[in-house]
């Protein structure tokens, strides 16, 4: 088994153990809600991170075309770009991030395993995209304001798309 496949199996095992312990709960967050969290202990220089809850049907790949629309880029420029796509969960009573460690290029077998693992946290999570407060230099605005700007830009796209699909 290659290293990537081993990581998938490890993630599946960790998730199943957390469920068995009753350690996971779904956050009470809706699409375009925002929140901030301190960077993980291993990355303290990244400061306060901003997150936006995205609709279930949207990708968590933060380089997807939907996140490069002009009004989204204007908002993300204030925080020097998106740097995260994954899930938010309540882990042992605390709002936490379930990191999406998905590579961009995978084999068909790896894709199938990834889909199985990515389905697991959905009943206990919401999808989010986010950014670091100080990924390579401090942001122009704080994480809370940056997340709100990105949420507003994404919500506008969502509503325009929804209105456009109803016109058809």
N, C-alpha and C. Protein backbone atom coordinates (compact mmCIF):
# COMPACT_ATOMS: atom_id res chain seq x y z
N UNK A 1 0.85 -1.17 0.00
CA UNK A 1 0.00 0.00 0.00
C UNK A 1 0.90 1.24 0.00
N UNK A 2 0.63 2.18 -0.92
CA UNK A 2 1.45 3.38 -0.96
C UNK A 2 1.09 4.32 0.19
N UNK A 3 1.89 5.35 0.37
CA UNK A 3 1.71 6.28 1.50
C UNK A 3 0.34 6.95 1.46
N UNK A 4 -0.10 7.34 0.27
CA UNK A 4 -1.40 8.00 0.14
C UNK A 4 -2.53 7.08 0.57
N UNK A 5 -2.51 5.85 0.11
CA UNK A 5 -3.56 4.89 0.46
C UNK A 5 -3.55 4.62 1.97
N UNK A 6 -2.36 4.58 2.56
CA UNK A 6 -2.25 4.39 4.00
C UNK A 6 -2.88 5.56 4.76
N UNK A 7 -2.71 6.77 4.26
CA UNK A 7 -3.30 7.95 4.88
C UNK A 7 -4.83 7.88 4.81
N UNK A 8 -5.37 7.42 3.71
CA UNK A 8 -6.83 7.28 3.57
C UNK A 8 -7.35 6.29 4.60
N UNK A 9 -6.69 5.17 4.74
CA UNK A 9 -7.12 4.17 5.72
C UNK A 9 -7.02 4.71 7.15
N UNK A 10 -5.97 5.49 7.43
CA UNK A 10 -5.81 6.09 8.75
C UNK A 10 -6.95 7.06 9.05
N UNK A 11 -7.29 7.91 8.07
CA UNK A 11 -8.40 8.86 8.24
C UNK A 11 -9.71 8.13 8.51
N UNK A 12 -9.97 7.06 7.76
CA UNK A 12 -11.20 6.30 7.95
C UNK A 12 -11.25 5.72 9.36
N UNK A 13 -10.14 5.18 9.83
CA UNK A 13 -10.07 4.60 11.17
C UNK A 13 -10.27 5.65 12.25
N UNK A 14 -9.63 6.82 12.09
CA UNK A 14 -9.78 7.90 13.07
C UNK A 14 -11.23 8.35 13.15
N UNK A 15 -11.85 8.52 12.00
CA UNK A 15 -13.24 8.99 11.98
C UNK A 15 -14.15 7.99 12.68
N UNK A 16 -14.00 6.72 12.34
CA UNK A 16 -14.86 5.69 12.94
C UNK A 16 -14.68 5.64 14.45
N UNK A 17 -13.46 5.83 14.93
CA UNK A 17 -13.20 5.84 16.38
C UNK A 17 -13.88 7.04 17.03
N UNK A 18 -13.78 8.21 16.42
CA UNK A 18 -14.42 9.40 16.98
C UNK A 18 -15.93 9.26 17.03
N UNK A 19 -16.51 8.67 16.00
CA UNK A 19 -17.96 8.44 16.00
C UNK A 19 -18.33 7.49 17.13
N UNK A 20 -17.57 6.42 17.26
CA UNK A 20 -17.85 5.43 18.32
C UNK A 20 -17.77 6.07 19.71
N UNK A 21 -16.86 7.02 19.90
CA UNK A 21 -16.70 7.70 21.18
C UNK A 21 -17.77 8.77 21.41
N UNK A 22 -18.55 9.10 20.37
CA UNK A 22 -19.52 10.19 20.49
C UNK A 22 -18.85 11.55 20.54
N UNK A 23 -17.68 11.64 19.95
CA UNK A 23 -16.87 12.86 20.03
C UNK A 23 -17.16 13.86 18.92
N UNK A 24 -18.01 13.51 17.94
CA UNK A 24 -18.30 14.41 16.83
C UNK A 24 -19.75 14.88 16.86
N UNK A 25 -19.96 16.13 16.49
CA UNK A 25 -21.30 16.69 16.32
C UNK A 25 -21.25 17.68 15.17
N UNK A 26 -22.39 17.87 14.53
CA UNK A 26 -22.46 18.82 13.41
C UNK A 26 -22.65 20.23 13.95
N UNK A 27 -21.85 21.19 13.46
CA UNK A 27 -22.03 22.58 13.90
C UNK A 27 -23.36 23.14 13.41
N UNK A 28 -23.94 24.04 14.17
CA UNK A 28 -25.19 24.69 13.79
C UNK A 28 -24.85 25.93 12.95
N UNK A 29 -24.32 25.68 11.76
CA UNK A 29 -23.91 26.73 10.85
C UNK A 29 -24.58 26.50 9.50
N UNK A 30 -24.98 27.59 8.86
CA UNK A 30 -25.64 27.55 7.56
C UNK A 30 -24.72 28.14 6.49
N UNK A 31 -25.01 27.84 5.20
CA UNK A 31 -24.18 28.43 4.14
C UNK A 31 -24.04 29.94 4.29
N UNK A 32 -22.82 30.39 4.13
CA UNK A 32 -22.39 31.78 4.17
C UNK A 32 -22.27 32.34 5.59
N UNK A 33 -22.48 31.50 6.61
CA UNK A 33 -22.09 31.89 7.97
C UNK A 33 -20.58 31.95 8.00
N UNK A 34 -20.05 32.75 8.89
CA UNK A 34 -18.59 32.89 9.01
C UNK A 34 -18.17 32.65 10.46
N UNK A 35 -16.91 32.29 10.62
CA UNK A 35 -16.33 32.17 11.95
C UNK A 35 -14.82 32.27 11.83
N UNK A 36 -14.18 32.47 12.95
CA UNK A 36 -12.72 32.51 12.98
C UNK A 36 -12.23 31.53 14.03
N UNK A 37 -11.05 31.01 13.81
CA UNK A 37 -10.39 30.13 14.76
C UNK A 37 -8.90 30.45 14.76
N UNK A 38 -8.28 30.27 15.89
CA UNK A 38 -6.83 30.43 15.95
C UNK A 38 -6.19 29.35 15.08
N UNK A 39 -5.07 29.67 14.50
CA UNK A 39 -4.34 28.69 13.69
C UNK A 39 -3.99 27.48 14.55
N UNK A 40 -3.82 26.32 13.92
CA UNK A 40 -3.40 25.14 14.69
C UNK A 40 -2.10 25.41 15.42
N UNK A 41 -1.90 24.71 16.52
CA UNK A 41 -0.69 24.89 17.34
C UNK A 41 0.59 24.73 16.52
N UNK A 42 0.53 23.89 15.50
CA UNK A 42 1.73 23.66 14.70
C UNK A 42 2.02 24.83 13.75
N UNK A 43 1.07 25.77 13.60
CA UNK A 43 1.25 26.91 12.70
C UNK A 43 0.88 28.22 13.39
N UNK A 44 1.46 28.52 14.53
CA UNK A 44 1.03 29.70 15.30
C UNK A 44 1.24 31.02 14.56
N UNK A 45 2.19 31.07 13.66
CA UNK A 45 2.46 32.33 12.96
C UNK A 45 1.31 32.72 12.03
N UNK A 46 0.43 31.75 11.72
CA UNK A 46 -0.67 32.06 10.81
C UNK A 46 -1.80 32.82 11.49
N UNK A 47 -1.74 33.01 12.79
CA UNK A 47 -2.68 33.87 13.50
C UNK A 47 -4.11 33.35 13.50
N UNK A 48 -5.04 34.28 13.35
CA UNK A 48 -6.47 33.97 13.35
C UNK A 48 -6.89 33.64 11.93
N UNK A 49 -7.53 32.51 11.74
CA UNK A 49 -7.97 32.10 10.41
C UNK A 49 -9.45 32.39 10.25
N UNK A 50 -9.85 32.80 9.05
CA UNK A 50 -11.24 33.09 8.74
C UNK A 50 -11.84 31.99 7.88
N UNK A 51 -13.10 31.64 8.14
CA UNK A 51 -13.77 30.57 7.41
C UNK A 51 -15.17 31.01 6.99
N UNK A 52 -15.60 30.48 5.84
CA UNK A 52 -16.94 30.71 5.32
C UNK A 52 -17.57 29.35 5.05
N UNK A 53 -18.76 29.13 5.56
CA UNK A 53 -19.50 27.90 5.27
C UNK A 53 -20.02 28.01 3.85
N UNK A 54 -19.83 26.95 3.07
CA UNK A 54 -20.28 26.96 1.68
C UNK A 54 -21.41 25.93 1.51
N UNK A 55 -22.23 26.11 0.47
CA UNK A 55 -23.30 25.15 0.22
C UNK A 55 -22.76 23.75 -0.02
N UNK A 56 -23.54 22.75 0.34
CA UNK A 56 -23.12 21.36 0.18
C UNK A 56 -22.72 21.02 -1.25
N UNK A 57 -23.39 21.63 -2.22
CA UNK A 57 -23.11 21.28 -3.62
C UNK A 57 -21.85 21.96 -4.17
N UNK A 58 -21.26 22.85 -3.43
CA UNK A 58 -20.04 23.54 -3.88
C UNK A 58 -18.80 22.73 -3.52
N UNK A 59 -17.76 22.84 -4.35
CA UNK A 59 -16.52 22.10 -4.07
C UNK A 59 -15.72 22.73 -2.94
N UNK A 60 -14.97 21.90 -2.23
CA UNK A 60 -14.07 22.44 -1.21
C UNK A 60 -12.68 22.70 -1.77
N UNK A 61 -12.51 22.46 -3.05
CA UNK A 61 -11.25 22.79 -3.72
C UNK A 61 -11.23 24.30 -3.93
N UNK A 62 -10.50 25.02 -3.10
CA UNK A 62 -10.55 26.48 -3.11
C UNK A 62 -9.92 27.11 -4.34
N UNK A 63 -9.38 26.32 -5.26
CA UNK A 63 -8.90 26.87 -6.53
C UNK A 63 -9.90 26.62 -7.65
N UNK A 64 -11.08 26.12 -7.30
CA UNK A 64 -12.14 25.91 -8.28
C UNK A 64 -12.58 27.24 -8.89
N UNK A 65 -13.11 27.19 -10.10
CA UNK A 65 -13.53 28.40 -10.82
C UNK A 65 -14.51 29.27 -10.02
N UNK A 66 -15.37 28.65 -9.23
CA UNK A 66 -16.36 29.44 -8.49
C UNK A 66 -15.71 30.45 -7.56
N UNK A 67 -14.52 30.13 -7.06
CA UNK A 67 -13.83 31.01 -6.12
C UNK A 67 -12.89 31.99 -6.81
N UNK A 68 -12.89 31.99 -8.14
CA UNK A 68 -12.04 32.93 -8.87
C UNK A 68 -12.87 33.95 -9.63
N UNK A 69 -14.18 34.02 -9.35
CA UNK A 69 -15.01 35.06 -9.95
C UNK A 69 -14.48 36.42 -9.50
N UNK A 70 -14.67 37.43 -10.32
CA UNK A 70 -14.06 38.74 -10.06
C UNK A 70 -14.41 39.29 -8.68
N UNK A 71 -15.68 39.24 -8.28
CA UNK A 71 -16.03 39.82 -6.99
C UNK A 71 -15.46 39.02 -5.82
N UNK A 72 -15.28 37.71 -6.02
CA UNK A 72 -14.67 36.88 -4.97
C UNK A 72 -13.18 37.21 -4.88
N UNK A 73 -12.54 37.36 -6.03
CA UNK A 73 -11.11 37.70 -6.02
C UNK A 73 -10.86 39.04 -5.35
N UNK A 74 -11.76 40.00 -5.56
CA UNK A 74 -11.63 41.30 -4.91
C UNK A 74 -11.65 41.12 -3.39
N UNK A 75 -12.57 40.29 -2.90
CA UNK A 75 -12.66 40.03 -1.46
C UNK A 75 -11.45 39.25 -0.96
N UNK A 76 -11.06 38.22 -1.69
CA UNK A 76 -9.95 37.39 -1.22
C UNK A 76 -8.62 38.11 -1.31
N UNK A 77 -8.51 39.11 -2.19
CA UNK A 77 -7.27 39.89 -2.25
C UNK A 77 -6.97 40.57 -0.92
N UNK A 78 -8.01 40.94 -0.20
CA UNK A 78 -7.83 41.61 1.10
C UNK A 78 -7.19 40.69 2.13
N UNK A 79 -7.31 39.37 1.90
CA UNK A 79 -6.72 38.40 2.84
C UNK A 79 -5.64 37.56 2.15
N UNK A 80 -5.17 38.05 1.01
CA UNK A 80 -4.09 37.41 0.24
C UNK A 80 -4.45 36.01 -0.23
N UNK A 81 -5.72 35.79 -0.53
CA UNK A 81 -6.15 34.54 -1.16
C UNK A 81 -6.63 33.48 -0.19
N UNK A 82 -7.40 32.56 -0.75
CA UNK A 82 -7.89 31.42 0.01
C UNK A 82 -6.75 30.42 0.19
N UNK A 83 -6.73 29.73 1.32
CA UNK A 83 -5.67 28.75 1.58
C UNK A 83 -6.21 27.45 2.17
N UNK A 84 -7.53 27.31 2.24
CA UNK A 84 -8.09 26.15 2.92
C UNK A 84 -9.41 25.74 2.30
N UNK A 85 -9.62 24.43 2.20
CA UNK A 85 -10.91 23.85 1.85
C UNK A 85 -11.08 22.59 2.67
N UNK A 86 -12.18 22.43 3.34
CA UNK A 86 -12.39 21.25 4.18
C UNK A 86 -13.73 21.29 4.87
N UNK A 87 -13.75 20.79 6.11
CA UNK A 87 -14.99 20.69 6.87
C UNK A 87 -14.81 21.26 8.27
N UNK A 88 -15.88 21.84 8.81
CA UNK A 88 -15.91 22.25 10.21
C UNK A 88 -16.76 21.24 10.96
N UNK A 89 -16.30 20.83 12.12
CA UNK A 89 -17.00 19.87 12.96
C UNK A 89 -16.96 20.36 14.41
N UNK A 90 -17.84 19.82 15.22
CA UNK A 90 -17.72 20.00 16.66
C UNK A 90 -16.99 18.74 17.14
N UNK A 91 -15.77 18.91 17.58
CA UNK A 91 -14.94 17.80 18.03
C UNK A 91 -14.72 17.93 19.53
N UNK A 92 -15.26 16.97 20.24
CA UNK A 92 -15.18 16.97 21.71
C UNK A 92 -15.65 18.30 22.28
N UNK A 93 -16.77 18.80 21.74
CA UNK A 93 -17.41 20.01 22.25
C UNK A 93 -16.87 21.32 21.74
N UNK A 94 -15.88 21.27 20.84
CA UNK A 94 -15.23 22.50 20.37
C UNK A 94 -15.28 22.58 18.84
N UNK A 95 -15.67 23.76 18.32
CA UNK A 95 -15.67 23.96 16.87
C UNK A 95 -14.25 23.76 16.36
N UNK A 96 -14.08 22.88 15.39
CA UNK A 96 -12.76 22.50 14.88
C UNK A 96 -12.81 22.34 13.37
N UNK A 97 -11.65 22.25 12.80
CA UNK A 97 -11.52 22.07 11.36
C UNK A 97 -11.08 20.64 11.08
N UNK A 98 -11.75 20.02 10.09
CA UNK A 98 -11.39 18.68 9.60
C UNK A 98 -10.68 18.94 8.29
N UNK A 99 -9.37 18.89 8.31
CA UNK A 99 -8.60 19.29 7.14
C UNK A 99 -8.80 18.34 5.97
N UNK A 100 -9.00 18.92 4.81
CA UNK A 100 -9.10 18.16 3.58
C UNK A 100 -7.69 18.05 3.01
N UNK A 101 -7.12 16.87 3.10
CA UNK A 101 -5.75 16.68 2.62
C UNK A 101 -5.76 16.02 1.25
N UNK A 102 -6.75 16.36 0.46
CA UNK A 102 -6.96 15.75 -0.84
C UNK A 102 -5.98 16.31 -1.88
N UNK A 103 -5.21 15.44 -2.50
CA UNK A 103 -4.33 15.91 -3.58
C UNK A 103 -5.15 16.24 -4.82
N UNK A 104 -4.58 17.04 -5.69
CA UNK A 104 -5.31 17.45 -6.89
C UNK A 104 -5.37 16.35 -7.94
N UNK A 105 -4.38 15.48 -8.00
CA UNK A 105 -4.35 14.43 -9.03
C UNK A 105 -4.28 13.07 -8.35
N UNK A 106 -5.28 12.23 -8.62
CA UNK A 106 -5.34 10.91 -7.98
C UNK A 106 -5.71 9.86 -9.02
N UNK A 107 -5.39 8.61 -8.72
CA UNK A 107 -5.79 7.51 -9.58
C UNK A 107 -7.27 7.22 -9.37
N UNK A 108 -7.87 6.40 -10.23
CA UNK A 108 -9.28 6.05 -10.06
C UNK A 108 -9.52 5.33 -8.74
N UNK A 109 -8.61 4.44 -8.37
CA UNK A 109 -8.74 3.71 -7.10
C UNK A 109 -8.66 4.67 -5.91
N UNK A 110 -7.72 5.62 -5.98
CA UNK A 110 -7.59 6.60 -4.90
C UNK A 110 -8.83 7.50 -4.84
N UNK A 111 -9.35 7.87 -6.00
CA UNK A 111 -10.56 8.71 -6.07
C UNK A 111 -11.73 8.01 -5.39
N UNK A 112 -11.90 6.72 -5.63
CA UNK A 112 -12.98 5.97 -5.01
C UNK A 112 -12.83 5.95 -3.49
N UNK A 113 -11.62 5.70 -3.00
CA UNK A 113 -11.38 5.71 -1.56
C UNK A 113 -11.61 7.10 -0.96
N UNK A 114 -11.16 8.13 -1.66
CA UNK A 114 -11.36 9.49 -1.18
C UNK A 114 -12.84 9.82 -1.06
N UNK A 115 -13.61 9.43 -2.04
CA UNK A 115 -15.06 9.68 -2.00
C UNK A 115 -15.68 9.00 -0.78
N UNK A 116 -15.25 7.80 -0.48
CA UNK A 116 -15.77 7.09 0.69
C UNK A 116 -15.41 7.83 1.97
N UNK A 117 -14.17 8.28 2.09
CA UNK A 117 -13.73 8.97 3.29
C UNK A 117 -14.40 10.34 3.40
N UNK A 118 -14.53 11.06 2.28
CA UNK A 118 -15.12 12.39 2.32
C UNK A 118 -16.60 12.35 2.66
N UNK A 119 -17.27 11.25 2.38
CA UNK A 119 -18.68 11.13 2.73
C UNK A 119 -18.82 10.96 4.24
N UNK A 120 -17.87 10.31 4.87
CA UNK A 120 -17.98 10.02 6.30
C UNK A 120 -18.27 11.25 7.16
N UNK A 121 -17.51 12.34 7.05
CA UNK A 121 -17.76 13.44 7.97
C UNK A 121 -18.99 14.29 7.63
N UNK A 122 -19.64 14.11 6.49
CA UNK A 122 -20.72 15.00 6.10
C UNK A 122 -21.88 15.04 7.09
N UNK A 123 -22.19 13.93 7.73
CA UNK A 123 -23.30 13.95 8.67
C UNK A 123 -22.91 14.65 9.97
N UNK A 124 -21.64 14.94 10.14
CA UNK A 124 -21.16 15.61 11.34
C UNK A 124 -20.47 16.93 11.03
N UNK A 125 -20.58 17.41 9.80
CA UNK A 125 -19.79 18.58 9.44
C UNK A 125 -20.51 19.49 8.46
N UNK A 126 -19.94 20.66 8.27
CA UNK A 126 -20.34 21.57 7.22
C UNK A 126 -19.09 21.86 6.38
N UNK A 127 -19.28 22.13 5.10
CA UNK A 127 -18.16 22.43 4.22
C UNK A 127 -17.74 23.88 4.38
N UNK A 128 -16.43 24.11 4.39
CA UNK A 128 -15.92 25.47 4.54
C UNK A 128 -14.72 25.71 3.63
N UNK A 129 -14.54 26.97 3.31
CA UNK A 129 -13.29 27.44 2.71
C UNK A 129 -12.75 28.50 3.65
N UNK A 130 -11.47 28.77 3.57
CA UNK A 130 -10.92 29.75 4.49
C UNK A 130 -9.57 30.27 4.08
N UNK A 131 -9.00 31.05 4.98
CA UNK A 131 -7.72 31.70 4.73
C UNK A 131 -6.98 31.88 6.06
N UNK A 132 -5.68 32.06 5.95
CA UNK A 132 -4.83 32.34 7.11
C UNK A 132 -4.75 33.85 7.29
N UNK A 133 -4.68 34.29 8.52
CA UNK A 133 -4.55 35.72 8.79
C UNK A 133 -3.19 36.26 8.36
N UNK A 134 -2.20 35.41 8.36
CA UNK A 134 -0.85 35.88 8.05
C UNK A 134 -0.08 34.76 7.37
N UNK A 135 -0.59 34.30 6.22
CA UNK A 135 0.02 33.15 5.55
C UNK A 135 1.46 33.44 5.14
N UNK A 136 1.66 34.50 4.40
CA UNK A 136 3.03 34.88 4.05
C UNK A 136 3.30 36.34 4.39
N UNK A 137 2.25 37.08 4.71
CA UNK A 137 2.37 38.42 5.27
C UNK A 137 1.03 38.76 5.92
N UNK A 138 1.01 39.64 6.89
CA UNK A 138 -0.26 39.96 7.56
C UNK A 138 -1.30 40.48 6.57
N UNK A 139 -2.55 40.10 6.80
CA UNK A 139 -3.62 40.53 5.92
C UNK A 139 -3.95 42.01 6.13
N UNK A 140 -4.60 42.59 5.12
CA UNK A 140 -4.96 44.00 5.17
C UNK A 140 -6.11 44.27 6.14
N UNK A 141 -6.93 43.26 6.42
CA UNK A 141 -8.06 43.39 7.34
C UNK A 141 -8.06 42.18 8.27
N UNK A 142 -8.80 42.26 9.37
CA UNK A 142 -8.80 41.13 10.30
C UNK A 142 -9.62 39.96 9.74
N UNK A 143 -9.45 38.81 10.35
CA UNK A 143 -10.05 37.57 9.84
C UNK A 143 -11.57 37.64 9.82
N UNK A 144 -12.17 38.24 10.83
CA UNK A 144 -13.63 38.33 10.88
C UNK A 144 -14.18 39.15 9.72
N UNK A 145 -13.58 40.31 9.48
CA UNK A 145 -14.02 41.16 8.37
C UNK A 145 -13.73 40.51 7.02
N UNK A 146 -12.59 39.85 6.90
CA UNK A 146 -12.25 39.17 5.65
C UNK A 146 -13.23 38.05 5.34
N UNK A 147 -13.57 37.26 6.35
CA UNK A 147 -14.54 36.18 6.14
C UNK A 147 -15.89 36.74 5.73
N UNK A 148 -16.30 37.85 6.35
CA UNK A 148 -17.59 38.46 6.01
C UNK A 148 -17.60 38.96 4.55
N UNK A 149 -16.50 39.57 4.12
CA UNK A 149 -16.42 40.05 2.73
C UNK A 149 -16.51 38.89 1.74
N UNK A 150 -15.79 37.82 2.03
CA UNK A 150 -15.81 36.65 1.14
C UNK A 150 -17.20 36.03 1.14
N UNK A 151 -17.83 35.92 2.29
CA UNK A 151 -19.17 35.35 2.38
C UNK A 151 -20.16 36.17 1.56
N UNK A 152 -20.08 37.49 1.63
CA UNK A 152 -20.98 38.35 0.85
C UNK A 152 -20.79 38.13 -0.65
N UNK A 153 -19.54 38.05 -1.08
CA UNK A 153 -19.25 37.84 -2.50
C UNK A 153 -19.76 36.47 -2.97
N UNK A 154 -19.55 35.44 -2.16
CA UNK A 154 -20.00 34.09 -2.53
C UNK A 154 -21.52 33.99 -2.52
N UNK A 155 -22.15 34.63 -1.56
CA UNK A 155 -23.61 34.60 -1.48
C UNK A 155 -24.22 35.27 -2.70
N UNK A 156 -23.60 36.34 -3.17
CA UNK A 156 -24.08 37.03 -4.38
C UNK A 156 -24.03 36.08 -5.57
N UNK A 157 -22.93 35.35 -5.71
CA UNK A 157 -22.81 34.39 -6.81
C UNK A 157 -23.88 33.31 -6.68
N UNK A 158 -24.06 32.81 -5.48
CA UNK A 158 -25.05 31.76 -5.23
C UNK A 158 -26.45 32.23 -5.61
N UNK A 159 -26.82 33.42 -5.18
CA UNK A 159 -28.16 33.94 -5.47
C UNK A 159 -28.34 34.23 -6.96
N UNK A 160 -27.30 34.75 -7.61
CA UNK A 160 -27.37 34.99 -9.06
C UNK A 160 -27.53 33.68 -9.81
N UNK A 161 -26.78 32.67 -9.40
CA UNK A 161 -26.87 31.35 -10.03
C UNK A 161 -28.25 30.75 -9.81
N UNK A 162 -28.75 30.87 -8.61
CA UNK A 162 -30.08 30.34 -8.27
C UNK A 162 -31.16 31.05 -9.09
N UNK A 163 -31.07 32.39 -9.18
CA UNK A 163 -32.03 33.16 -9.97
C UNK A 163 -31.94 32.80 -11.45
N UNK A 164 -30.71 32.61 -11.94
CA UNK A 164 -30.51 32.26 -13.34
C UNK A 164 -31.07 30.88 -13.67
N UNK A 165 -30.95 29.93 -12.75
CA UNK A 165 -31.47 28.59 -13.01
C UNK A 165 -32.99 28.55 -12.94
N UNK A 166 -33.61 29.49 -12.21
CA UNK A 166 -35.07 29.53 -12.15
C UNK A 166 -35.65 30.14 -13.40
N UNK A 167 -34.85 30.98 -14.09
CA UNK A 167 -35.32 31.62 -15.31
C UNK A 167 -35.38 30.65 -16.49
N UNK A 168 -34.64 29.56 -16.38
CA UNK A 168 -34.56 28.61 -17.51
C UNK A 168 -35.79 27.78 -17.65
